[in-house]
All heavy atoms as atom14 arrays in JSON, in Angstrom:
{
  "sequence": "AIKQCEPALVSSYATLTWLGKNLEAHVFKSESGPCAAFLSNYDP",
  "atom14_mask": [
    [1, 1, 1, 1, 1, 0, 0, 0, 0, 0, 0, 0, 0, 0],
    [1, 1, 1, 1, 1, 1, 1, 1, 0, 0, 0, 0, 0, 0],
    [1, 1, 1, 1, 1, 1, 1, 1, 1, 0, 0, 0, 0, 0],
    [1, 1, 1, 1, 1, 1, 1, 1, 1, 0, 0, 0, 0, 0],
    [1, 1, 1, 1, 1, 1, 0, 0, 0, 0, 0, 0, 0, 0],
    [1, 1, 1, 1, 1, 1, 1, 1, 1, 0, 0, 0, 0, 0],
    [1, 1, 1, 1, 1, 1, 1, 0, 0, 0, 0, 0, 0, 0],
    [1, 1, 1, 1, 1, 0, 0, 0, 0, 0, 0, 0, 0, 0],
    [1, 1, 1, 1, 1, 1, 1, 1, 0, 0, 0, 0, 0, 0],
    [1, 1, 1, 1, 1, 1, 1, 0, 0, 0, 0, 0, 0, 0],
    [1, 1, 1, 1, 1, 1, 0, 0, 0, 0, 0, 0, 0, 0],
    [1, 1, 1, 1, 1, 1, 0, 0, 0, 0, 0, 0, 0, 0],
    [1, 1, 1, 1, 1, 1, 1, 1, 1, 1, 1, 1, 0, 0],
    [1, 1, 1, 1, 1, 0, 0, 0, 0, 0, 0, 0, 0, 0],
    [1, 1, 1, 1, 1, 1, 1, 0, 0, 0, 0, 0, 0, 0],
    [1, 1, 1, 1, 1, 1, 1, 1, 0, 0, 0, 0, 0, 0],
    [1, 1, 1, 1, 1, 1, 1, 0, 0, 0, 0, 0, 0, 0],
    [1, 1, 1, 1, 1, 1, 1, 1, 1, 1, 1, 1, 1, 1],
    [1, 1, 1, 1, 1, 1, 1, 1, 0, 0, 0, 0, 0, 0],
    [1, 1, 1, 1, 0, 0, 0, 0, 0, 0, 0, 0, 0, 0],
    [1, 1, 1, 1, 1, 1, 1, 1, 1, 0, 0, 0, 0, 0],
    [1, 1, 1, 1, 1, 1, 1, 1, 0, 0, 0, 0, 0, 0],
    [1, 1, 1, 1, 1, 1, 1, 1, 0, 0, 0, 0, 0, 0],
    [1, 1, 1, 1, 1, 1, 1, 1, 1, 0, 0, 0, 0, 0],
    [1, 1, 1, 1, 1, 0, 0, 0, 0, 0, 0, 0, 0, 0],
    [1, 1, 1, 1, 1, 1, 1, 1, 1, 1, 0, 0, 0, 0],
    [1, 1, 1, 1, 1, 1, 1, 0, 0, 0, 0, 0, 0, 0],
    [1, 1, 1, 1, 1, 1, 1, 1, 1, 1, 1, 0, 0, 0],
    [1, 1, 1, 1, 1, 1, 1, 1, 1, 0, 0, 0, 0, 0],
    [1, 1, 1, 1, 1, 1, 0, 0, 0, 0, 0, 0, 0, 0],
    [1, 1, 1, 1, 1, 1, 1, 1, 1, 0, 0, 0, 0, 0],
    [1, 1, 1, 1, 1, 1, 0, 0, 0, 0, 0, 0, 0, 0],
    [1, 1, 1, 1, 0, 0, 0, 0, 0, 0, 0, 0, 0, 0],
    [1, 1, 1, 1, 1, 1, 1, 0, 0, 0, 0, 0, 0, 0],
    [1, 1, 1, 1, 1, 1, 0, 0, 0, 0, 0, 0, 0, 0],
    [1, 1, 1, 1, 1, 0, 0, 0, 0, 0, 0, 0, 0, 0],
    [1, 1, 1, 1, 1, 0, 0, 0, 0, 0, 0, 0, 0, 0],
    [1, 1, 1, 1, 1, 1, 1, 1, 1, 1, 1, 0, 0, 0],
    [1, 1, 1, 1, 1, 1, 1, 1, 0, 0, 0, 0, 0, 0],
    [1, 1, 1, 1, 1, 1, 0, 0, 0, 0, 0, 0, 0, 0],
    [1, 1, 1, 1, 1, 1, 1, 1, 0, 0, 0, 0, 0, 0],
    [1, 1, 1, 1, 1, 1, 1, 1, 1, 1, 1, 1, 0, 0],
    [1, 1, 1, 1, 1, 1, 1, 1, 0, 0, 0, 0, 0, 0],
    [1, 1, 1, 1, 1, 1, 1, 0, 0, 0, 0, 0, 0, 0]
  ],
  "atom14_positions": [
    [[17.97, -5.86, 9.4], [16.53, -5.67, 9.53], [15.98, -4.8, 8.4], [14.92, -5.1, 7.83], [16.21, -5.05, 10.9], [0.0, 0.0, 0.0], [0.0, 0.0, 0.0], [0.0, 0.0, 0.0], [0.0, 0.0, 0.0], [0.0, 0.0, 0.0], [0.0, 0.0, 0.0], [0.0, 0.0, 0.0], [0.0, 0.0, 0.0], [0.0, 0.0, 0.0]],
    [[16.69, -3.74, 8.08], [16.22, -2.84, 7.02], [16.24, -3.54, 5.67], [15.35, -3.35, 4.84], [17.07, -1.56, 6.99], [16.9, -0.76, 8.28], [16.72, -0.7, 5.77], [15.48, -0.3, 8.56], [0.0, 0.0, 0.0], [0.0, 0.0, 0.0], [0.0, 0.0, 0.0], [0.0, 0.0, 0.0], [0.0, 0.0, 0.0], [0.0, 0.0, 0.0]],
    [[17.27, -4.37, 5.41], [17.33, -5.08, 4.13], [16.14, -6.02, 3.98], [15.65, -6.25, 2.87], [18.64, -5.85, 4.02], [19.88, -4.97, 3.87], [19.81, -4.07, 2.65], [21.07, -3.25, 2.49], [21.01, -2.34, 1.32], [0.0, 0.0, 0.0], [0.0, 0.0, 0.0], [0.0, 0.0, 0.0], [0.0, 0.0, 0.0], [0.0, 0.0, 0.0]],
    [[15.64, -6.57, 5.09], [14.44, -7.4, 5.01], [13.21, -6.56, 4.64], [12.27, -7.08, 4.04], [14.19, -8.08, 6.36], [15.24, -9.12, 6.74], [14.95, -9.75, 8.09], [13.86, -10.3, 8.3], [15.9, -9.67, 9.0], [0.0, 0.0, 0.0], [0.0, 0.0, 0.0], [0.0, 0.0, 0.0], [0.0, 0.0, 0.0], [0.0, 0.0, 0.0]],
    [[13.27, -5.28, 4.97], [12.15, -4.39, 4.68], [12.25, -3.76, 3.27], [11.29, -3.14, 2.81], [12.1, -3.24, 5.69], [11.91, -3.71, 7.4], [0.0, 0.0, 0.0], [0.0, 0.0, 0.0], [0.0, 0.0, 0.0], [0.0, 0.0, 0.0], [0.0, 0.0, 0.0], [0.0, 0.0, 0.0], [0.0, 0.0, 0.0], [0.0, 0.0, 0.0]],
    [[13.4, -3.91, 2.64], [13.69, -3.15, 1.42], [12.61, -3.27, 0.34], [12.24, -2.25, -0.26], [15.06, -3.56, 0.87], [15.54, -2.67, -0.26], [16.93, -3.06, -0.74], [17.13, -4.26, -1.07], [17.82, -2.19, -0.78], [0.0, 0.0, 0.0], [0.0, 0.0, 0.0], [0.0, 0.0, 0.0], [0.0, 0.0, 0.0], [0.0, 0.0, 0.0]],
    [[12.08, -4.45, 0.02], [11.06, -4.53, -1.06], [9.87, -3.59, -0.82], [9.37, -2.98, -1.77], [10.64, -5.99, -1.05], [11.83, -6.72, -0.51], [12.41, -5.79, 0.53], [0.0, 0.0, 0.0], [0.0, 0.0, 0.0], [0.0, 0.0, 0.0], [0.0, 0.0, 0.0], [0.0, 0.0, 0.0], [0.0, 0.0, 0.0], [0.0, 0.0, 0.0]],
    [[9.46, -3.47, 0.43], [8.33, -2.58, 0.73], [8.78, -1.12, 0.74], [8.05, -0.24, 0.25], [7.72, -2.95, 2.09], [0.0, 0.0, 0.0], [0.0, 0.0, 0.0], [0.0, 0.0, 0.0], [0.0, 0.0, 0.0], [0.0, 0.0, 0.0], [0.0, 0.0, 0.0], [0.0, 0.0, 0.0], [0.0, 0.0, 0.0], [0.0, 0.0, 0.0]],
    [[9.97, -0.84, 1.26], [10.43, 0.54, 1.4], [10.63, 1.2, 0.04], [10.3, 2.38, -0.14], [11.73, 0.59, 2.19], [11.72, 0.08, 3.63], [13.09, 0.26, 4.27], [10.65, 0.76, 4.45], [0.0, 0.0, 0.0], [0.0, 0.0, 0.0], [0.0, 0.0, 0.0], [0.0, 0.0, 0.0], [0.0, 0.0, 0.0], [0.0, 0.0, 0.0]],
    [[11.19, 0.48, -0.92], [11.55, 1.12, -2.2], [10.37, 1.27, -3.14], [10.49, 1.91, -4.19], [12.66, 0.32, -2.91], [13.92, 0.28, -2.06], [12.21, -1.09, -3.29], [0.0, 0.0, 0.0], [0.0, 0.0, 0.0], [0.0, 0.0, 0.0], [0.0, 0.0, 0.0], [0.0, 0.0, 0.0], [0.0, 0.0, 0.0], [0.0, 0.0, 0.0]],
    [[9.25, 0.69, -2.78], [8.11, 0.72, -3.71], [6.89, 1.43, -3.14], [5.82, 1.42, -3.76], [7.72, -0.71, -4.1], [7.48, -1.51, -2.95], [0.0, 0.0, 0.0], [0.0, 0.0, 0.0], [0.0, 0.0, 0.0], [0.0, 0.0, 0.0], [0.0, 0.0, 0.0], [0.0, 0.0, 0.0], [0.0, 0.0, 0.0], [0.0, 0.0, 0.0]],
    [[7.04, 2.07, -1.97], [5.89, 2.78, -1.4], [6.36, 3.85, -0.44], [7.5, 3.83, 0.02], [4.98, 1.79, -0.66], [5.66, 1.16, 0.41], [0.0, 0.0, 0.0], [0.0, 0.0, 0.0], [0.0, 0.0, 0.0], [0.0, 0.0, 0.0], [0.0, 0.0, 0.0], [0.0, 0.0, 0.0], [0.0, 0.0, 0.0], [0.0, 0.0, 0.0]],
    [[5.47, 4.78, -0.16], [5.73, 5.8, 0.85], [5.02, 5.39, 2.15], [4.03, 4.66, 2.12], [5.23, 7.16, 0.39], [6.09, 7.79, -0.67], [5.83, 7.56, -2.01], [7.16, 8.62, -0.33], [6.61, 8.13, -3.01], [7.95, 9.2, -1.32], [7.68, 8.94, -2.66], [8.47, 9.51, -3.62], [0.0, 0.0, 0.0], [0.0, 0.0, 0.0]],
    [[5.53, 5.89, 3.26], [4.98, 5.49, 4.55], [3.6, 6.08, 4.78], [3.32, 7.23, 4.42], [5.92, 5.94, 5.66], [0.0, 0.0, 0.0], [0.0, 0.0, 0.0], [0.0, 0.0, 0.0], [0.0, 0.0, 0.0], [0.0, 0.0, 0.0], [0.0, 0.0, 0.0], [0.0, 0.0, 0.0], [0.0, 0.0, 0.0], [0.0, 0.0, 0.0]],
    [[2.76, 5.27, 5.39], [1.49, 5.74, 5.93], [1.64, 5.88, 7.44], [2.05, 4.94, 8.12], [0.36, 4.74, 5.61], [0.22, 4.6, 4.21], [-0.96, 5.23, 6.21], [0.0, 0.0, 0.0], [0.0, 0.0, 0.0], [0.0, 0.0, 0.0], [0.0, 0.0, 0.0], [0.0, 0.0, 0.0], [0.0, 0.0, 0.0], [0.0, 0.0, 0.0]],
    [[1.34, 7.07, 7.94], [1.57, 7.37, 9.35], [0.29, 7.22, 10.16], [-0.77, 7.74, 9.78], [2.11, 8.79, 9.5], [2.22, 9.35, 10.92], [3.19, 8.53, 11.75], [2.66, 10.81, 10.88], [0.0, 0.0, 0.0], [0.0, 0.0, 0.0], [0.0, 0.0, 0.0], [0.0, 0.0, 0.0], [0.0, 0.0, 0.0], [0.0, 0.0, 0.0]],
    [[0.41, 6.5, 11.29], [-0.69, 6.36, 12.23], [-0.19, 6.71, 13.62], [0.86, 6.21, 14.05], [-1.24, 4.92, 12.23], [-1.65, 4.56, 10.91], [-2.42, 4.81, 13.19], [0.0, 0.0, 0.0], [0.0, 0.0, 0.0], [0.0, 0.0, 0.0], [0.0, 0.0, 0.0], [0.0, 0.0, 0.0], [0.0, 0.0, 0.0], [0.0, 0.0, 0.0]],
    [[-0.93, 7.57, 14.33], [-0.58, 7.89, 15.72], [-1.15, 6.82, 16.63], [-2.33, 6.51, 16.6], [-1.14, 9.26, 16.1], [-0.47, 10.38, 15.36], [-0.87, 10.99, 14.21], [0.76, 11.02, 15.74], [0.02, 11.97, 13.82], [1.04, 12.01, 14.76], [1.65, 10.85, 16.8], [2.16, 12.82, 14.8], [2.76, 11.66, 16.86], [3.02, 12.63, 15.87]],
    [[-0.29, 6.28, 17.49], [-0.7, 5.22, 18.42], [-0.88, 5.74, 19.83], [-1.21, 4.98, 20.74], [0.33, 4.09, 18.42], [0.62, 3.44, 17.06], [1.73, 2.41, 17.19], [-0.64, 2.82, 16.48], [0.0, 0.0, 0.0], [0.0, 0.0, 0.0], [0.0, 0.0, 0.0], [0.0, 0.0, 0.0], [0.0, 0.0, 0.0], [0.0, 0.0, 0.0]],
    [[-0.63, 7.02, 20.04], [-0.7, 7.63, 21.35], [0.3, 8.77, 21.42], [1.0, 9.07, 20.44], [0.0, 0.0, 0.0], [0.0, 0.0, 0.0], [0.0, 0.0, 0.0], [0.0, 0.0, 0.0], [0.0, 0.0, 0.0], [0.0, 0.0, 0.0], [0.0, 0.0, 0.0], [0.0, 0.0, 0.0], [0.0, 0.0, 0.0], [0.0, 0.0, 0.0]],
    [[0.41, 9.39, 22.58], [1.36, 10.48, 22.75], [2.78, 9.96, 22.55], [3.21, 9.0, 23.18], [1.22, 11.09, 24.14], [2.14, 12.29, 24.36], [1.96, 12.88, 25.76], [2.89, 14.07, 25.96], [2.77, 14.63, 27.34], [0.0, 0.0, 0.0], [0.0, 0.0, 0.0], [0.0, 0.0, 0.0], [0.0, 0.0, 0.0], [0.0, 0.0, 0.0]],
    [[3.52, 10.6, 21.66], [4.89, 10.23, 21.32], [5.0, 8.84, 20.73], [6.09, 8.24, 20.71], [5.82, 10.31, 22.55], [5.98, 11.73, 23.05], [6.07, 12.67, 22.26], [6.01, 11.89, 24.37], [0.0, 0.0, 0.0], [0.0, 0.0, 0.0], [0.0, 0.0, 0.0], [0.0, 0.0, 0.0], [0.0, 0.0, 0.0], [0.0, 0.0, 0.0]],
    [[3.91, 8.3, 20.2], [3.89, 6.94, 19.64], [3.38, 6.97, 18.21], [2.33, 7.57, 17.93], [3.01, 6.03, 20.5], [3.39, 5.89, 21.97], [2.31, 5.17, 22.76], [4.73, 5.15, 22.11], [0.0, 0.0, 0.0], [0.0, 0.0, 0.0], [0.0, 0.0, 0.0], [0.0, 0.0, 0.0], [0.0, 0.0, 0.0], [0.0, 0.0, 0.0]],
    [[4.11, 6.33, 17.31], [3.75, 6.34, 15.9], [3.95, 4.97, 15.27], [4.8, 4.19, 15.72], [4.6, 7.34, 15.11], [4.34, 8.79, 15.41], [5.26, 9.7, 14.6], [6.15, 9.19, 13.88], [5.08, 10.93, 14.68], [0.0, 0.0, 0.0], [0.0, 0.0, 0.0], [0.0, 0.0, 0.0], [0.0, 0.0, 0.0], [0.0, 0.0, 0.0]],
    [[3.2, 4.71, 14.21], [3.43, 3.56, 13.34], [3.6, 4.09, 11.92], [2.75, 4.84, 11.43], [2.26, 2.59, 13.4], [0.0, 0.0, 0.0], [0.0, 0.0, 0.0], [0.0, 0.0, 0.0], [0.0, 0.0, 0.0], [0.0, 0.0, 0.0], [0.0, 0.0, 0.0], [0.0, 0.0, 0.0], [0.0, 0.0, 0.0], [0.0, 0.0, 0.0]],
    [[4.69, 3.74, 11.29], [4.95, 4.06, 9.88], [4.89, 2.75, 9.11], [5.68, 1.83, 9.36], [6.31, 4.72, 9.71], [6.43, 6.05, 10.36], [6.5, 7.22, 9.64], [6.47, 6.42, 11.67], [6.6, 8.25, 10.47], [6.58, 7.78, 11.71], [0.0, 0.0, 0.0], [0.0, 0.0, 0.0], [0.0, 0.0, 0.0], [0.0, 0.0, 0.0]],
    [[3.96, 2.67, 8.17], [3.72, 1.42, 7.46], [4.0, 1.61, 5.98], [3.52, 2.58, 5.35], [2.27, 0.93, 7.67], [2.03, -0.37, 6.92], [1.97, 0.75, 9.16], [0.0, 0.0, 0.0], [0.0, 0.0, 0.0], [0.0, 0.0, 0.0], [0.0, 0.0, 0.0], [0.0, 0.0, 0.0], [0.0, 0.0, 0.0], [0.0, 0.0, 0.0]],
    [[4.8, 0.7, 5.42], [5.08, 0.68, 3.98], [4.43, -0.58, 3.41], [4.72, -1.69, 3.86], [6.6, 0.61, 3.73], [7.34, 1.83, 4.21], [7.73, 1.94, 5.55], [7.66, 2.86, 3.34], [8.43, 3.05, 5.99], [8.37, 3.97, 3.78], [8.74, 4.07, 5.11], [0.0, 0.0, 0.0], [0.0, 0.0, 0.0], [0.0, 0.0, 0.0]],
    [[3.57, -0.37, 2.42], [2.88, -1.52, 1.81], [2.84, -1.29, 0.31], [2.27, -0.32, -0.18], [1.47, -1.67, 2.37], [0.77, -2.94, 1.95], [-0.51, -3.14, 2.71], [-1.23, -4.43, 2.3], [-0.42, -5.63, 2.54], [0.0, 0.0, 0.0], [0.0, 0.0, 0.0], [0.0, 0.0, 0.0], [0.0, 0.0, 0.0], [0.0, 0.0, 0.0]],
    [[3.49, -2.19, -0.43], [3.56, -2.05, -1.87], [2.37, -2.74, -2.52], [1.69, -3.56, -1.9], [4.85, -2.66, -2.41], [4.86, -4.06, -2.21], [0.0, 0.0, 0.0], [0.0, 0.0, 0.0], [0.0, 0.0, 0.0], [0.0, 0.0, 0.0], [0.0, 0.0, 0.0], [0.0, 0.0, 0.0], [0.0, 0.0, 0.0], [0.0, 0.0, 0.0]],
    [[2.12, -2.4, -3.78], [1.0, -2.99, -4.51], [1.18, -4.49, -4.68], [0.22, -5.24, -4.77], [0.86, -2.31, -5.87], [0.46, -0.84, -5.78], [0.32, -0.21, -7.15], [0.52, -0.93, -8.15], [0.0, 0.99, -7.22], [0.0, 0.0, 0.0], [0.0, 0.0, 0.0], [0.0, 0.0, 0.0], [0.0, 0.0, 0.0], [0.0, 0.0, 0.0]],
    [[2.44, -4.93, -4.76], [2.71, -6.35, -4.98], [2.6, -7.18, -3.71], [2.7, -8.4, -3.77], [4.1, -6.54, -5.59], [5.09, -6.0, -4.73], [0.0, 0.0, 0.0], [0.0, 0.0, 0.0], [0.0, 0.0, 0.0], [0.0, 0.0, 0.0], [0.0, 0.0, 0.0], [0.0, 0.0, 0.0], [0.0, 0.0, 0.0], [0.0, 0.0, 0.0]],
    [[2.46, -6.51, -2.57], [2.2, -7.25, -1.36], [3.12, -7.06, -0.19], [2.66, -7.13, 0.96], [0.0, 0.0, 0.0], [0.0, 0.0, 0.0], [0.0, 0.0, 0.0], [0.0, 0.0, 0.0], [0.0, 0.0, 0.0], [0.0, 0.0, 0.0], [0.0, 0.0, 0.0], [0.0, 0.0, 0.0], [0.0, 0.0, 0.0], [0.0, 0.0, 0.0]],
    [[4.45, -6.84, -0.38], [5.34, -6.71, 0.79], [4.89, -5.58, 1.73], [4.47, -4.51, 1.28], [6.7, -6.4, 0.16], [6.64, -6.96, -1.2], [5.21, -6.76, -1.64], [0.0, 0.0, 0.0], [0.0, 0.0, 0.0], [0.0, 0.0, 0.0], [0.0, 0.0, 0.0], [0.0, 0.0, 0.0], [0.0, 0.0, 0.0], [0.0, 0.0, 0.0]],
    [[5.03, -5.85, 3.02], [4.62, -4.88, 4.03], [5.72, -4.79, 5.08], [6.33, -5.79, 5.46], [3.32, -5.32, 4.69], [2.69, -4.22, 5.98], [0.0, 0.0, 0.0], [0.0, 0.0, 0.0], [0.0, 0.0, 0.0], [0.0, 0.0, 0.0], [0.0, 0.0, 0.0], [0.0, 0.0, 0.0], [0.0, 0.0, 0.0], [0.0, 0.0, 0.0]],
    [[6.03, -3.57, 5.52], [7.0, -3.36, 6.59], [6.5, -2.23, 7.47], [5.83, -1.3, 7.0], [8.37, -3.01, 6.02], [0.0, 0.0, 0.0], [0.0, 0.0, 0.0], [0.0, 0.0, 0.0], [0.0, 0.0, 0.0], [0.0, 0.0, 0.0], [0.0, 0.0, 0.0], [0.0, 0.0, 0.0], [0.0, 0.0, 0.0], [0.0, 0.0, 0.0]],
    [[6.82, -2.33, 8.77], [6.33, -1.32, 9.71], [7.44, -0.92, 10.68], [8.31, -1.73, 11.03], [5.12, -1.85, 10.48], [0.0, 0.0, 0.0], [0.0, 0.0, 0.0], [0.0, 0.0, 0.0], [0.0, 0.0, 0.0], [0.0, 0.0, 0.0], [0.0, 0.0, 0.0], [0.0, 0.0, 0.0], [0.0, 0.0, 0.0], [0.0, 0.0, 0.0]],
    [[7.36, 0.35, 11.11], [8.23, 0.9, 12.13], [7.34, 1.41, 13.25], [6.49, 2.28, 13.02], [9.07, 2.06, 11.58], [10.06, 1.68, 10.52], [9.64, 1.38, 9.23], [11.42, 1.65, 10.8], [10.53, 1.05, 8.24], [12.33, 1.32, 9.81], [11.89, 1.01, 8.53], [0.0, 0.0, 0.0], [0.0, 0.0, 0.0], [0.0, 0.0, 0.0]],
    [[7.53, 0.89, 14.45], [6.76, 1.34, 15.62], [7.7, 2.15, 16.5], [8.74, 1.66, 16.94], [6.21, 0.15, 16.39], [5.39, -0.86, 15.58], [4.88, -1.98, 16.48], [4.24, -0.18, 14.84], [0.0, 0.0, 0.0], [0.0, 0.0, 0.0], [0.0, 0.0, 0.0], [0.0, 0.0, 0.0], [0.0, 0.0, 0.0], [0.0, 0.0, 0.0]],
    [[7.31, 3.41, 16.79], [8.23, 4.36, 17.41], [7.69, 4.91, 18.71], [6.5, 5.26, 18.81], [8.49, 5.53, 16.45], [8.92, 5.04, 15.19], [0.0, 0.0, 0.0], [0.0, 0.0, 0.0], [0.0, 0.0, 0.0], [0.0, 0.0, 0.0], [0.0, 0.0, 0.0], [0.0, 0.0, 0.0], [0.0, 0.0, 0.0], [0.0, 0.0, 0.0]],
    [[8.6, 5.0, 19.69], [8.3, 5.64, 20.97], [9.3, 6.77, 21.15], [10.49, 6.53, 21.37], [8.42, 4.63, 22.11], [8.19, 5.27, 23.47], [7.76, 6.43, 23.57], [8.48, 4.53, 24.54], [0.0, 0.0, 0.0], [0.0, 0.0, 0.0], [0.0, 0.0, 0.0], [0.0, 0.0, 0.0], [0.0, 0.0, 0.0], [0.0, 0.0, 0.0]],
    [[8.83, 8.02, 21.06], [9.71, 9.18, 21.12], [9.93, 9.7, 22.54], [10.68, 10.64, 22.75], [9.16, 10.32, 20.27], [8.95, 9.96, 18.81], [7.94, 10.55, 18.07], [9.76, 9.02, 18.2], [7.75, 10.22, 16.73], [9.58, 8.68, 16.87], [8.56, 9.28, 16.14], [8.38, 8.95, 14.83], [0.0, 0.0, 0.0], [0.0, 0.0, 0.0]],
    [[9.29, 9.08, 23.5], [9.43, 9.54, 24.89], [10.81, 9.14, 25.41], [11.18, 7.97, 25.34], [8.33, 8.93, 25.77], [8.24, 9.61, 27.12], [9.24, 9.57, 27.88], [7.19, 10.19, 27.42], [0.0, 0.0, 0.0], [0.0, 0.0, 0.0], [0.0, 0.0, 0.0], [0.0, 0.0, 0.0], [0.0, 0.0, 0.0], [0.0, 0.0, 0.0]],
    [[11.6, 10.08, 25.96], [12.94, 9.75, 26.41], [12.98, 9.07, 27.78], [14.06, 8.65, 28.21], [13.63, 11.11, 26.47], [12.54, 12.08, 26.73], [11.32, 11.54, 26.03], [0.0, 0.0, 0.0], [0.0, 0.0, 0.0], [0.0, 0.0, 0.0], [0.0, 0.0, 0.0], [0.0, 0.0, 0.0], [0.0, 0.0, 0.0], [0.0, 0.0, 0.0]]
  ]
}
């Protein structure tokens, strides 16, 4: 899964968006177009 994200990861830094309590979206979007996202739930 990460290798599929690699073009976006190596060419940009994450943009962080809060989706709620203990919830985050980290988005990598390069100038050339590739986009990858991580949606996180930190609640145990």
